Amino acid sequence: VRLVPLAMPAVTVLYFARAREATGGLVEETFDVVDTDELRVALVKQHPGLETVLRSAVLAVNQEYCVETTALRERDEVAVIPPISGG
């Protein structure tokens, strides 16, 4: 029996506000990850400045906020949304 490794889903990550600033102005990029926890690790590895932003940011997968670890599928869209202040 030969095992064939499963491909990791390619997901698009969108950056807003402070998250965009922490990436040097990137609007979006693609990562190969299986869930949102793995994505957070990959984001910090790629952009160390995101570490502090991610502590208070929420992720939205396909325009739905997620508060727990969420499995990701091919072509999912994940938005990194920092807290928004205003008055």
Protein backbone atom coordinates (compact mmCIF):
# COMPACT_ATOMS: atom_id res chain seq x y z
CA VAL A 1 0.00 0.00 0.00
CA ARG A 2 1.42 3.32 -1.02
CA LEU A 3 0.35 6.41 0.91
CA VAL A 4 -0.03 9.61 -1.05
CA PRO A 5 0.41 12.80 0.98
CA LEU A 6 -2.59 15.07 0.93
CA ALA A 7 -2.02 18.54 -0.45
CA MET A 8 -2.44 21.41 1.97
CA PRO A 9 -5.19 23.80 0.99
CA ALA A 10 -4.05 27.12 -0.45
CA VAL A 11 -5.91 29.95 1.26
CA THR A 12 -5.87 33.65 0.53
CA VAL A 13 -5.20 35.97 3.46
CA LEU A 14 -6.45 39.57 3.38
CA TYR A 15 -4.90 42.22 5.65
CA PHE A 16 -6.66 45.28 7.05
CA ALA A 17 -5.56 48.34 9.07
CA ARG A 18 -2.67 47.56 11.47
CA ALA A 19 -2.31 44.07 10.00
CA ARG A 20 -1.63 45.59 6.58
CA GLU A 21 0.91 47.96 8.11
CA ALA A 22 2.68 45.06 9.87
CA THR A 23 3.11 43.26 6.53
CA GLY A 24 4.71 46.27 4.89
CA GLY A 25 1.56 47.25 3.05
CA LEU A 26 0.50 43.90 1.61
CA VAL A 27 -3.17 43.62 0.78
CA GLU A 28 -3.25 39.83 0.34
CA GLU A 29 -1.09 36.73 -0.01
CA THR A 30 -1.49 32.96 -0.15
CA PHE A 31 -0.57 30.36 2.49
CA ASP A 32 -0.72 26.56 2.46
CA VAL A 33 -2.15 25.64 5.87
CA VAL A 34 -4.80 23.27 7.26
CA ASP A 35 -6.43 25.41 9.96
CA THR A 36 -6.49 28.87 11.52
CA ASP A 37 -4.05 27.94 14.31
CA GLU A 38 -1.48 26.84 11.75
CA LEU A 39 -2.18 30.00 9.78
CA ARG A 40 -1.46 32.22 12.79
CA VAL A 41 1.93 30.50 13.21
CA ALA A 42 2.71 30.90 9.49
CA LEU A 43 1.71 34.57 9.55
CA VAL A 44 4.08 35.38 12.40
CA LYS A 45 6.88 33.40 10.78
CA GLN A 46 6.42 35.34 7.52
CA HIS A 47 5.74 38.72 9.19
CA PRO A 48 7.11 38.92 12.77
CA GLY A 49 5.44 42.32 13.20
CA LEU A 50 2.05 40.62 13.07
CA GLU A 51 2.60 38.85 16.39
CA THR A 52 1.32 41.75 18.50
CA VAL A 53 -1.48 42.52 16.04
CA LEU A 54 -2.72 38.90 16.10
CA ARG A 55 -3.04 38.93 19.90
CA SER A 56 -6.12 41.14 19.59
CA ALA A 57 -7.17 40.56 15.97
CA VAL A 58 -9.99 38.31 14.88
CA LEU A 59 -9.97 36.10 11.82
CA ALA A 60 -12.88 35.81 9.44
CA VAL A 61 -13.07 32.78 7.15
CA ASN A 62 -15.16 33.42 4.06
CA GLN A 63 -16.66 36.51 5.74
CA GLU A 64 -17.65 34.62 8.93
CA TYR A 65 -15.87 35.45 12.18
CA CYS A 66 -14.22 32.46 13.82
CA VAL A 67 -13.34 32.32 17.50
CA GLU A 68 -12.09 28.74 17.63
CA THR A 69 -9.69 26.74 15.51
CA THR A 70 -11.30 26.43 12.09
CA ALA A 71 -10.37 23.93 9.38
CA LEU A 72 -9.49 25.56 6.08
CA ARG A 73 -10.28 24.36 2.58
CA GLU A 74 -8.80 25.11 -0.82
CA ARG A 75 -9.59 28.68 -1.94
CA ASP A 76 -10.89 29.83 1.45
CA GLU A 77 -10.45 33.54 2.13
CA VAL A 78 -9.21 34.54 5.57
CA ALA A 79 -9.30 38.17 6.69
CA VAL A 80 -7.08 39.42 9.52
CA ILE A 81 -9.14 42.10 11.26
CA PRO A 82 -7.49 44.12 14.04
CA PRO A 83 -9.64 45.93 16.59
CA ILE A 84 -11.03 49.18 15.26
CA SER A 85 -11.03 52.23 17.46
CA GLY A 86 -12.98 55.34 16.84
CA GLY A 87 -15.33 57.77 18.32
